[in-house]
Amino acid sequence: MEENVQRVFSIIIAVIIFFLLPMYVAFEKKDDVAYALAVKITSELVENVKNNGYISRKMYEDYVSKLGITNNTYEIKMEHKSYKYNPIIYSYTDTTYKKIRETFDYGIYKNEYKLGSISYKGNTYGNLILSYAKNEEVYTESQILDVLSRDNSGIYTGMSKEAYANIKINDIPLEPNLYTSGALGAIYTMNKGDQFTVRIKNVNTTTAEIFFNALTVGMVTEPIPRVYVNYGSTILAEKYKNWVVANSGYTGNVQEITIAETGNYLLEVWGASGSGNNPDNLNLASRGGKGGYAKGQKYFTKGTRIYAYVGGQGAGDKGGFNGGGNAGPKANGGGGATDIRIIGGAWNDNLSLNSRIIVAGGGGGADDVLTNELPGSLNDGSGGDGGGTNGSKGYINGSLAIRGVDPIPEYNNIQCANGGAQYAFNGLKLGYAENAIFYNDLGGGGGGYYGGAPSKHYNGGGGGGSGFIGGVANGQMQSGTNTGNGMFRITFIN
């Protein structure tokens, strides 16, 4: 009996030594290879984020795809530690400064701070000190992936497009939810000095673990990850800041931009609105027409010079810069178009006008600006919206201008539907709206690829100018999107 037990035990030992142990060692080497690959793939991702300052949807999807070659399933944890320094104002002229110092929020009191004193609850404090309080915010993979899952057609910063278009590039707020369109898809941005860490561990049972459990006869009750990687780094660059090559509002003159890097760019332009009652106030009649919007992509080589002409809003009976038409007496001028060109020069130079690659039409001017008018009334001569293939017609006595009824002219300009070639209908002008004749309450037309027609009827609004996307790829246009002066933005895609 004892001899049989020894024989069985010897067989078990032999199986372990000659079969299970070599198999375990072989599969453990396979896990070691998977670990080395996971370290390499993870370090490449983190280093890429470190040197660019962002993680894109494509970067994350590529990372997950590459991990798949290890034949393991992973739990992926990402962490972004954002360090921000919030300015706080201190005053040392009063013994109560310790009690009230935290109330001196820089955002509220910065203008007073620049003047050298702060008034607070009836007291004036001088001898001011500006210091900074460090604040750490931690963002997890769920927050990061939430941003990466979004779809967007442009840059988002939590600001209105009007405010965003008029700030300097270095003043653009850099929040973790900034993202952009293009080949990269959505992106999650980080600032220089922040920390980014990726931790992964396999959640599947590997073959080596099965053999290990067999060798230990199940003595290990808790599963041990065979592939565990913890890799992090400090953000060194913020390359996404350079994506917004140029963004500007109205200046009243040509703006020259030199392309610094060869690649594809997103071009966006907003036309100006016509003069008149506020286009956003639907309770008033005789509103100025809104400016249009156009966007598209263009490939530029390094050193290329392009020229932006931002439309000005109509002011009184004067048309806005870049093609807005003057109105008749007591009426309102049209808004100027916003466009980007390959050839510079005066805004109305024929060679320059013919080099336009994208245009957002300006809105038409209204007839008058009485504050007690009602929409649709006989005195409602609202201007037509700019933008789109055809700028919109103006209103006459509360109704849209009707085609072909004398003496009402055509209030919209025409762009052929064949994708870019355009012609002037009924004498409309390339790039600008003709001035209205000398008669009361005749609104001016908006500037555009072809300018809108001015009103030739009492209590009539001018037509909006047309848009143009014939010089860009993947172009889109919208009419009636912008109130106020025009703007443009040029964004690097890839």
Protein backbone atom coordinates (compact mmCIF):
# COMPACT_ATOMS: atom_id res chain seq x y z
CA MET A 1 0.00 0.00 0.00
CA GLU A 2 2.74 2.40 0.98
CA GLU A 3 4.57 1.49 -2.19
CA ASN A 4 1.50 2.40 -4.28
CA VAL A 5 1.19 5.78 -2.58
CA GLN A 6 4.83 6.52 -3.28
CA ARG A 7 4.33 5.48 -6.90
CA VAL A 8 1.35 7.88 -7.30
CA PHE A 9 3.22 10.67 -5.61
CA SER A 10 6.21 10.11 -7.89
CA ILE A 11 3.94 10.29 -10.94
CA ILE A 12 2.46 13.60 -9.71
CA ILE A 13 5.94 15.02 -9.13
CA ALA A 14 7.01 13.87 -12.57
CA VAL A 15 3.97 15.49 -14.18
CA ILE A 16 4.72 18.73 -12.37
CA ILE A 17 8.42 18.71 -13.24
CA PHE A 18 8.24 17.47 -16.80
CA PHE A 19 4.87 18.91 -17.94
CA LEU A 20 3.20 21.56 -15.80
CA LEU A 21 6.32 23.47 -14.79
CA PRO A 22 7.74 23.81 -18.34
CA MET A 23 4.31 24.81 -19.63
CA TYR A 24 3.97 27.39 -16.86
CA VAL A 25 7.44 28.81 -17.62
CA ALA A 26 6.61 28.98 -21.34
CA PHE A 27 3.30 30.79 -20.80
CA GLU A 28 4.85 33.07 -18.18
CA LYS A 29 7.34 34.16 -20.85
CA LYS A 30 4.35 34.93 -23.04
CA ASP A 31 2.97 37.15 -20.27
CA ASP A 32 6.38 38.80 -20.00
CA VAL A 33 6.24 39.61 -23.72
CA ALA A 34 2.71 40.99 -23.27
CA TYR A 35 3.95 43.11 -20.38
CA ALA A 36 6.86 44.48 -22.41
CA LEU A 37 4.53 45.32 -25.30
CA ALA A 38 2.02 46.98 -22.95
CA VAL A 39 4.80 49.10 -21.42
CA LYS A 40 6.02 50.14 -24.87
CA ILE A 41 2.53 50.97 -26.17
CA THR A 42 1.55 52.86 -23.00
CA SER A 43 4.80 54.81 -22.83
CA GLU A 44 4.39 55.85 -26.48
CA LEU A 45 0.92 57.23 -25.71
CA VAL A 46 2.04 59.11 -22.59
CA GLU A 47 5.13 60.53 -24.32
CA ASN A 48 2.96 61.68 -27.23
CA VAL A 49 0.58 63.42 -24.81
CA LYS A 50 3.52 64.94 -22.93
CA ASN A 51 5.00 66.47 -26.08
CA ASN A 52 1.69 67.73 -27.51
CA GLY A 53 -0.40 68.66 -24.49
CA TYR A 54 -3.51 66.76 -25.54
CA ILE A 55 -4.98 63.33 -26.12
CA SER A 56 -7.25 62.92 -29.10
CA ARG A 57 -9.96 60.40 -29.78
CA LYS A 58 -7.81 58.89 -32.52
CA MET A 59 -4.81 58.61 -30.18
CA TYR A 60 -6.92 56.79 -27.60
CA GLU A 61 -8.57 54.47 -30.13
CA ASP A 62 -5.17 53.62 -31.64
CA TYR A 63 -3.84 52.91 -28.14
CA VAL A 64 -6.67 50.49 -27.34
CA SER A 65 -6.25 48.81 -30.72
CA LYS A 66 -2.51 48.31 -30.20
CA LEU A 67 -3.09 46.79 -26.75
CA GLY A 68 -5.19 44.16 -28.50
CA ILE A 69 -2.08 42.49 -29.96
CA THR A 70 -1.21 41.26 -26.45
CA ASN A 71 -4.37 39.09 -26.49
CA ASN A 72 -5.43 40.39 -23.09
CA THR A 73 -8.39 42.41 -21.87
CA TYR A 74 -7.45 45.50 -19.86
CA GLU A 75 -8.90 47.89 -17.34
CA ILE A 76 -7.62 51.31 -18.43
CA LYS A 77 -7.40 54.18 -15.96
CA MET A 78 -6.32 57.68 -17.03
CA GLU A 79 -5.72 60.58 -14.67
CA HIS A 80 -5.05 64.23 -15.42
CA LYS A 81 -3.88 66.48 -12.58
CA SER A 82 -4.36 70.11 -13.55
CA TYR A 83 -2.46 72.74 -11.61
CA LYS A 84 -3.89 76.24 -11.70
CA TYR A 85 -2.70 79.39 -9.99
CA ASN A 86 -5.59 81.68 -9.12
CA PRO A 87 -4.68 85.31 -8.41
CA ILE A 88 -5.76 86.76 -5.05
CA ILE A 89 -5.41 90.36 -3.92
CA TYR A 90 -4.21 91.18 -0.39
CA SER A 91 -4.25 94.56 1.34
CA TYR A 92 -1.95 95.45 4.23
CA THR A 93 -3.31 98.90 5.12
CA ASP A 94 -5.89 97.69 7.62
CA THR A 95 -5.61 95.45 10.66
CA THR A 96 -8.60 93.45 9.42
CA TYR A 97 -6.87 92.31 6.24
CA LYS A 98 -6.57 88.73 7.54
CA LYS A 99 -10.30 88.57 7.99
CA ILE A 100 -11.28 89.90 4.57
CA ARG A 101 -8.36 89.02 2.32
CA GLU A 102 -10.05 85.98 0.79
CA THR A 103 -12.91 88.20 -0.41
CA PHE A 104 -10.55 90.05 -2.73
CA ASP A 105 -11.17 87.98 -5.80
CA TYR A 106 -8.91 89.20 -8.59
CA GLY A 107 -11.55 88.73 -11.25
CA ILE A 108 -13.85 91.15 -9.42
CA TYR A 109 -11.32 93.70 -8.22
CA LYS A 110 -8.61 93.59 -10.92
CA ASN A 111 -9.57 96.97 -12.40
CA GLU A 112 -9.38 98.64 -8.99
CA TYR A 113 -6.16 96.79 -8.26
CA LYS A 114 -4.54 98.34 -11.33
CA LEU A 115 -5.44 101.79 -9.95
CA GLY A 116 -3.71 101.03 -6.65
CA SER A 117 -6.62 100.75 -4.22
CA ILE A 118 -9.72 98.68 -3.57
CA SER A 119 -13.05 99.79 -2.11
CA TYR A 120 -14.80 97.11 -0.09
CA LYS A 121 -17.76 97.51 2.28
CA GLY A 122 -17.18 101.24 2.66
CA ASN A 123 -13.43 100.93 3.30
CA THR A 124 -10.59 101.71 0.92
CA TYR A 125 -7.49 99.52 1.01
CA GLY A 126 -4.13 100.39 -0.50
CA ASN A 127 -0.62 98.90 -0.40
CA LEU A 128 -1.92 96.01 -2.46
CA ILE A 129 -0.17 92.68 -2.98
CA LEU A 130 -1.05 90.29 -5.80
CA SER A 131 -0.34 86.65 -4.96
CA TYR A 132 -1.44 83.30 -6.31
CA ALA A 133 -3.17 80.34 -4.70
CA LYS A 134 -2.29 76.95 -6.17
CA ASN A 135 -5.26 74.77 -6.94
CA GLU A 136 -5.08 71.12 -8.00
CA GLU A 137 -7.92 69.56 -9.94
CA VAL A 138 -8.01 65.86 -10.79
CA TYR A 139 -9.85 64.54 -13.85
CA THR A 140 -10.49 60.83 -14.29
CA GLU A 141 -10.79 58.63 -17.37
CA SER A 142 -14.59 58.99 -17.33
CA GLN A 143 -14.29 62.77 -17.71
CA ILE A 144 -11.59 62.46 -20.34
CA LEU A 145 -13.56 59.89 -22.33
CA ASP A 146 -16.66 62.07 -22.07
CA VAL A 147 -14.81 64.81 -23.93
CA LEU A 148 -13.36 62.39 -26.47
CA SER A 149 -16.84 61.02 -27.25
CA ARG A 150 -18.18 64.38 -28.42
CA ASP A 151 -18.67 65.52 -31.98
CA ASN A 152 -18.04 69.14 -32.93
CA SER A 153 -17.73 71.26 -36.04
CA GLY A 154 -15.23 73.80 -34.72
CA ILE A 155 -13.31 75.03 -31.74
CA TYR A 156 -15.17 75.20 -28.42
CA THR A 157 -13.95 77.11 -25.42
CA GLY A 158 -17.12 77.84 -23.52
CA MET A 159 -17.19 81.35 -25.02
CA SER A 160 -19.50 83.00 -27.49
CA LYS A 161 -18.12 83.09 -31.03
CA GLU A 162 -18.19 86.89 -30.90
CA ALA A 163 -15.96 86.98 -27.83
CA TYR A 164 -13.73 84.22 -29.13
CA ALA A 165 -13.21 85.88 -32.50
CA ASN A 166 -11.86 89.06 -30.93
CA ILE A 167 -9.39 87.76 -28.38
CA LYS A 168 -5.70 87.22 -28.90
CA ILE A 169 -4.45 83.69 -29.41
CA ASN A 170 -2.56 83.62 -26.12
CA ASP A 171 -5.69 84.73 -24.26
CA ILE A 172 -7.83 81.81 -25.39
CA PRO A 173 -9.02 80.02 -22.24
CA LEU A 174 -7.46 76.59 -22.02
CA GLU A 175 -9.98 74.40 -20.27
CA PRO A 176 -9.97 70.60 -20.24
CA ASN A 177 -13.05 70.56 -22.48
CA LEU A 178 -11.45 72.36 -25.41
CA TYR A 179 -11.77 70.26 -28.52
CA THR A 180 -11.59 70.64 -32.27
CA SER A 181 -12.81 69.07 -35.49
CA GLY A 182 -10.60 67.56 -38.15
CA ALA A 183 -8.80 64.30 -38.69
CA LEU A 184 -8.06 64.00 -34.97
CA GLY A 185 -11.69 64.14 -33.89
CA ALA A 186 -12.37 65.42 -30.40
CA ILE A 187 -9.39 66.24 -28.20
CA TYR A 188 -8.86 66.67 -24.47
CA THR A 189 -6.27 69.32 -23.68
CA MET A 190 -3.84 69.79 -20.83
CA ASN A 191 -1.63 72.66 -19.80
CA LYS A 192 2.13 72.78 -19.43
CA GLY A 193 3.15 71.48 -15.99
CA ASP A 194 0.10 69.23 -15.57
CA GLN A 195 0.47 65.52 -14.81
CA PHE A 196 -0.92 62.76 -17.04
CA THR A 197 -0.89 59.11 -15.97
CA VAL A 198 -2.13 55.87 -17.53
CA ARG A 199 -2.60 52.72 -15.45
CA ILE A 200 -3.61 49.42 -17.00
CA LYS A 201 -3.99 45.87 -15.74
CA ASN A 202 -5.30 42.78 -17.42
CA VAL A 203 -8.67 41.53 -16.14
CA ASN A 204 -8.69 38.22 -18.01
CA THR A 205 -7.19 34.98 -16.73
CA THR A 206 -4.05 34.21 -18.72
CA THR A 207 -2.89 30.68 -19.49
CA ALA A 208 0.13 31.18 -17.24
CA GLU A 209 -2.19 31.99 -14.35
CA ILE A 210 -4.15 28.77 -14.98
CA PHE A 211 -0.96 26.72 -14.77
CA PHE A 212 0.16 28.70 -11.71
CA ASN A 213 -3.11 27.88 -9.96
CA ALA A 214 -2.61 24.25 -10.86
CA LEU A 215 0.93 24.24 -9.45
CA THR A 216 -0.18 25.90 -6.21
CA VAL A 217 -3.28 23.73 -5.98
CA GLY A 218 -5.48 26.83 -5.76
CA MET A 219 -3.73 28.22 -2.69
CA VAL A 220 -3.82 31.74 -4.26
CA THR A 221 -7.43 32.88 -3.88
CA GLU A 222 -7.15 36.40 -5.29
CA PRO A 223 -6.34 36.79 -9.02
CA ILE A 224 -3.03 38.53 -9.60
CA PRO A 225 -2.77 40.76 -12.73
CA ARG A 226 -0.08 39.36 -14.98
CA VAL A 227 0.28 42.65 -16.90
CA TYR A 228 0.23 45.81 -14.81
CA VAL A 229 1.59 49.13 -16.13
CA ASN A 230 1.68 52.50 -14.37
CA TYR A 231 3.21 55.21 -16.55
CA GLY A 232 2.99 58.98 -16.18
CA SER A 233 4.69 62.20 -17.18
CA THR A 234 4.63 65.99 -16.88
CA ILE A 235 3.15 67.94 -19.82
CA LEU A 236 5.91 69.85 -21.61
CA ALA A 237 4.14 71.49 -24.57
CA GLU A 238 0.77 72.90 -25.65
CA LYS A 239 0.87 72.44 -29.41
CA TYR A 240 -2.87 72.83 -29.79
CA LYS A 241 -2.43 76.54 -29.07
CA ASN A 242 -0.93 76.87 -32.54
CA TRP A 243 -3.98 75.38 -34.23
CA VAL A 244 -5.81 78.69 -34.17
CA VAL A 245 -3.59 80.41 -36.72
CA ALA A 246 -5.66 83.57 -36.89
CA ASN A 247 -8.93 84.78 -35.45
CA SER A 248 -10.10 88.33 -35.63
CA GLY A 249 -13.05 90.64 -35.61
CA TYR A 250 -13.61 93.84 -37.52
CA THR A 251 -10.67 96.18 -38.22
CA GLY A 252 -11.89 98.11 -41.25
CA ASN A 253 -8.96 97.00 -43.37
CA VAL A 254 -7.32 93.97 -44.95
CA GLN A 255 -5.62 91.53 -42.56
CA GLU A 256 -2.65 89.57 -43.92
CA ILE A 257 -1.90 86.09 -42.60
CA THR A 258 1.27 84.11 -43.35
CA ILE A 259 0.90 80.33 -43.14
CA ALA A 260 3.57 79.00 -40.78
CA GLU A 261 3.10 75.27 -41.37
CA THR A 262 2.16 73.22 -44.41
CA GLY A 263 -1.12 71.40 -43.91
CA ASN A 264 -4.91 71.46 -44.05
CA TYR A 265 -6.76 74.39 -42.51
CA LEU A 266 -10.35 75.04 -41.50
CA LEU A 267 -11.52 78.46 -42.73
CA GLU A 268 -14.55 80.09 -41.09
CA VAL A 269 -16.11 83.45 -41.94
CA TRP A 270 -19.10 85.37 -40.58
CA GLY A 271 -20.67 88.26 -42.49
CA ALA A 272 -21.80 91.49 -40.82
CA SER A 273 -25.43 92.39 -40.18
CA GLY A 274 -27.22 95.31 -41.78
CA SER A 275 -28.14 98.46 -39.90
CA GLY A 276 -31.61 98.79 -38.39
CA ASN A 277 -33.39 97.52 -35.31
CA ASN A 278 -31.64 94.66 -33.49
CA PRO A 279 -31.83 91.54 -35.70
CA ASP A 280 -32.23 89.37 -32.58
CA ASN A 281 -35.29 91.26 -31.33
CA LEU A 282 -38.18 89.52 -33.05
CA ASN A 283 -40.69 91.83 -31.35
CA LEU A 284 -39.55 94.79 -33.44
CA ALA A 285 -40.01 95.46 -37.12
CA SER A 286 -37.47 97.02 -39.50
CA ARG A 287 -34.66 94.78 -38.32
CA GLY A 288 -31.30 94.66 -40.01
CA GLY A 289 -30.60 91.40 -41.83
CA LYS A 290 -28.14 89.02 -40.16
CA GLY A 291 -24.82 88.10 -41.70
CA GLY A 292 -24.17 84.61 -43.06
CA TYR A 293 -21.63 81.94 -42.15
CA ALA A 294 -19.39 79.79 -44.33
CA LYS A 295 -16.71 77.21 -43.62
CA GLY A 296 -14.47 74.90 -45.60
CA GLN A 297 -11.04 73.30 -45.71
CA LYS A 298 -8.01 74.41 -47.69
CA TYR A 299 -4.48 73.03 -48.06
CA PHE A 300 -1.74 75.66 -47.76
CA THR A 301 2.01 75.39 -47.97
CA LYS A 302 4.32 77.08 -45.51
CA GLY A 303 4.90 80.75 -46.32
CA THR A 304 1.66 81.23 -48.26
CA ARG A 305 0.08 84.63 -47.71
CA ILE A 306 -3.67 84.94 -47.55
CA TYR A 307 -5.84 87.98 -46.90
CA ALA A 308 -8.94 88.35 -44.74
CA TYR A 309 -11.49 91.13 -45.22
CA VAL A 310 -13.90 91.33 -42.28
CA GLY A 311 -17.25 92.96 -42.96
CA GLY A 312 -18.40 95.93 -40.92
CA GLN A 313 -21.96 96.33 -39.68
CA GLY A 314 -24.00 98.98 -41.43
CA ALA A 315 -24.06 102.25 -39.46
CA GLY A 316 -26.96 104.59 -40.03
CA ASP A 317 -27.47 105.04 -43.75
CA LYS A 318 -23.87 103.99 -44.50
CA GLY A 319 -22.99 100.52 -45.69
CA GLY A 320 -20.38 98.49 -43.80
CA PHE A 321 -16.81 97.82 -44.91
CA ASN A 322 -16.34 95.23 -47.67
CA GLY A 323 -19.31 95.80 -49.89
CA GLY A 324 -22.23 96.95 -47.75
CA GLY A 325 -24.43 99.33 -49.76
CA ASN A 326 -25.50 102.81 -48.64
CA ALA A 327 -29.20 103.37 -47.99
CA GLY A 328 -31.50 106.19 -48.90
CA PRO A 329 -32.05 109.05 -46.43
CA LYS A 330 -33.46 108.01 -43.04
CA ALA A 331 -32.87 104.35 -43.95
CA ASN A 332 -30.13 101.86 -43.04
CA GLY A 333 -27.03 100.62 -44.82
CA GLY A 334 -26.20 96.99 -45.54
CA GLY A 335 -23.57 94.92 -43.74
CA GLY A 336 -20.27 94.05 -45.34
CA ALA A 337 -19.26 90.55 -46.38
CA THR A 338 -16.38 88.67 -44.76
CA ASP A 339 -14.06 86.78 -47.09
CA ILE A 340 -10.61 85.25 -47.45
CA ARG A 341 -8.56 85.86 -50.60
CA ILE A 342 -5.36 84.74 -52.25
CA ILE A 343 -4.56 88.23 -53.60
CA GLY A 344 -4.58 91.32 -51.39
CA GLY A 345 -5.21 94.95 -52.25
CA ALA A 346 -8.11 97.33 -51.84
CA TRP A 347 -11.32 95.60 -50.82
CA ASN A 348 -12.97 96.47 -54.17
CA ASP A 349 -9.99 95.69 -56.39
CA ASN A 350 -11.30 93.46 -59.17
CA LEU A 351 -8.29 91.13 -59.23
CA SER A 352 -8.49 90.72 -55.46
CA LEU A 353 -12.25 90.11 -55.52
CA ASN A 354 -11.83 87.37 -58.08
CA SER A 355 -9.28 85.60 -55.86
CA ARG A 356 -11.80 85.00 -53.04
CA ILE A 357 -11.96 81.39 -51.91
CA ILE A 358 -14.70 81.67 -49.28
CA VAL A 359 -17.32 84.36 -48.56
CA ALA A 360 -20.01 84.94 -45.94
CA GLY A 361 -22.59 87.47 -47.16
CA GLY A 362 -23.63 90.54 -45.20
CA GLY A 363 -27.21 91.30 -44.17
CA GLY A 364 -29.38 93.93 -45.84
CA GLY A 365 -30.22 97.23 -44.16
CA ALA A 366 -33.72 98.07 -42.92
CA ASP A 367 -35.89 100.99 -43.99
CA ASP A 368 -36.10 102.96 -40.74
CA VAL A 369 -35.68 102.30 -37.02
CA LEU A 370 -38.90 103.35 -35.35
CA THR A 371 -39.10 101.72 -31.93
CA ASN A 372 -42.86 101.14 -31.94
CA GLU A 373 -43.09 99.14 -35.16
CA LEU A 374 -44.55 95.66 -35.17
CA PRO A 375 -43.30 92.81 -37.35
CA GLY A 376 -45.45 92.38 -40.44
CA SER A 377 -46.83 95.91 -40.25
CA LEU A 378 -47.02 98.22 -43.25
CA ASN A 379 -43.95 100.04 -41.98
CA ASP A 380 -41.86 96.87 -41.63
CA GLY A 381 -38.98 97.00 -44.09
CA SER A 382 -36.56 94.53 -42.49
CA GLY A 383 -33.37 93.69 -44.36
CA GLY A 384 -32.75 90.26 -45.87
CA ASP A 385 -30.26 87.87 -44.28
CA GLY A 386 -26.90 87.36 -45.93
CA GLY A 387 -25.20 84.08 -46.75
CA GLY A 388 -26.05 80.87 -48.51
CA THR A 389 -26.32 80.29 -52.25
CA ASN A 390 -28.79 83.16 -52.47
CA GLY A 391 -28.92 86.07 -50.09
CA SER A 392 -32.43 86.55 -48.68
CA LYS A 393 -34.84 89.16 -49.97
CA GLY A 394 -35.70 92.24 -48.00
CA TYR A 395 -39.18 93.00 -46.70
CA ILE A 396 -41.58 95.59 -48.10
CA ASN A 397 -44.44 96.73 -45.88
CA GLY A 398 -44.08 93.60 -43.77
CA SER A 399 -43.96 91.07 -46.62
CA LEU A 400 -41.13 89.51 -48.59
CA ALA A 401 -40.38 91.18 -51.88
CA ILE A 402 -42.19 89.35 -54.69
CA ARG A 403 -40.22 88.38 -57.77
CA GLY A 404 -41.08 90.08 -61.03
CA VAL A 405 -43.66 92.56 -59.72
CA ASP A 406 -42.86 96.08 -60.91
CA PRO A 407 -41.55 98.33 -59.40
CA ILE A 408 -40.21 95.83 -56.82
CA PRO A 409 -36.73 94.69 -57.86
CA GLU A 410 -35.05 91.40 -57.17
CA TYR A 411 -33.80 91.56 -53.59
CA ASN A 412 -31.77 88.40 -53.57
CA ASN A 413 -28.60 87.72 -55.47
CA ILE A 414 -28.09 84.51 -57.37
CA GLN A 415 -25.43 81.84 -57.23
CA CYS A 416 -25.66 78.96 -59.69
CA ALA A 417 -26.36 75.57 -58.20
CA ASN A 418 -23.50 73.90 -60.09
CA GLY A 419 -21.11 74.28 -57.15
CA GLY A 420 -19.23 77.49 -57.60
CA ALA A 421 -19.79 79.39 -60.85
CA GLN A 422 -21.92 82.43 -60.20
CA TYR A 423 -23.56 85.19 -62.17
CA ALA A 424 -25.12 88.53 -61.39
CA PHE A 425 -28.89 88.57 -61.76
CA ASN A 426 -30.61 91.78 -62.73
CA GLY A 427 -27.42 93.83 -62.57
CA LEU A 428 -26.15 92.72 -59.14
CA LYS A 429 -22.49 93.55 -58.59
CA LEU A 430 -19.49 91.31 -57.90
CA GLY A 431 -18.44 91.85 -54.28
CA TYR A 432 -20.65 94.77 -53.33
CA ALA A 433 -24.18 96.16 -53.18
CA GLU A 434 -25.06 99.21 -55.20
CA ASN A 435 -26.11 102.28 -53.24
CA ALA A 436 -29.82 102.99 -52.95
CA ILE A 437 -31.25 105.89 -54.93
CA PHE A 438 -31.81 109.19 -53.15
CA TYR A 439 -35.20 108.50 -51.62
CA ASN A 440 -36.42 107.99 -48.04
CA ASP A 441 -36.73 104.57 -46.39
CA LEU A 442 -34.78 102.53 -48.94
CA GLY A 443 -32.54 99.99 -47.21
CA GLY A 444 -29.08 99.20 -48.57
CA GLY A 445 -28.04 95.73 -49.75
CA GLY A 446 -25.48 93.52 -48.04
CA GLY A 447 -22.05 92.77 -49.44
CA GLY A 448 -21.30 89.27 -50.69
CA TYR A 449 -19.86 87.23 -53.52
CA TYR A 450 -22.53 89.17 -55.33
CA GLY A 451 -23.99 91.99 -53.31
CA GLY A 452 -27.68 92.17 -52.46
CA ALA A 453 -29.95 94.61 -54.28
CA PRO A 454 -30.86 97.87 -52.52
CA SER A 455 -34.51 98.63 -51.94
CA LYS A 456 -36.30 100.61 -54.65
CA HIS A 457 -39.59 100.66 -52.82
CA TYR A 458 -40.70 102.87 -49.94
CA ASN A 459 -40.59 101.01 -46.58
CA GLY A 460 -38.33 98.37 -48.14
CA GLY A 461 -35.30 96.56 -46.78
CA GLY A 462 -32.21 95.68 -48.78
CA GLY A 463 -31.36 92.16 -49.89
CA GLY A 464 -28.64 90.09 -48.26
CA GLY A 465 -25.39 89.28 -50.04
CA SER A 466 -24.61 85.74 -51.18
CA GLY A 467 -21.98 83.39 -49.80
CA PHE A 468 -19.33 81.43 -51.69
CA ILE A 469 -17.44 78.19 -51.01
CA GLY A 470 -16.08 77.51 -54.49
CA GLY A 471 -12.46 77.79 -53.39
CA VAL A 472 -12.53 75.34 -50.46
CA ALA A 473 -13.19 71.64 -49.88
CA ASN A 474 -16.09 70.26 -47.83
CA GLY A 475 -17.68 73.70 -47.84
CA GLN A 476 -20.89 74.56 -46.01
CA MET A 477 -22.92 77.77 -45.81
CA GLN A 478 -25.65 79.08 -43.54
CA SER A 479 -27.69 82.25 -43.89
CA GLY A 480 -28.67 84.63 -41.12
CA THR A 481 -26.34 83.52 -38.30
CA ASN A 482 -24.44 86.61 -37.15
CA THR A 483 -25.39 89.92 -35.54
CA GLY A 484 -22.91 92.81 -35.46
CA ASN A 485 -19.58 93.08 -37.24
CA GLY A 486 -18.18 90.12 -39.12
CA MET A 487 -15.31 87.89 -38.05
CA PHE A 488 -13.08 85.11 -39.32
CA ARG A 489 -11.09 82.21 -37.93
CA ILE A 490 -8.38 80.01 -39.47
CA THR A 491 -7.61 76.74 -37.67
CA PHE A 492 -4.86 74.22 -38.38
CA ILE A 493 -6.32 70.72 -38.80
CA ASN A 494 -3.45 68.43 -39.70
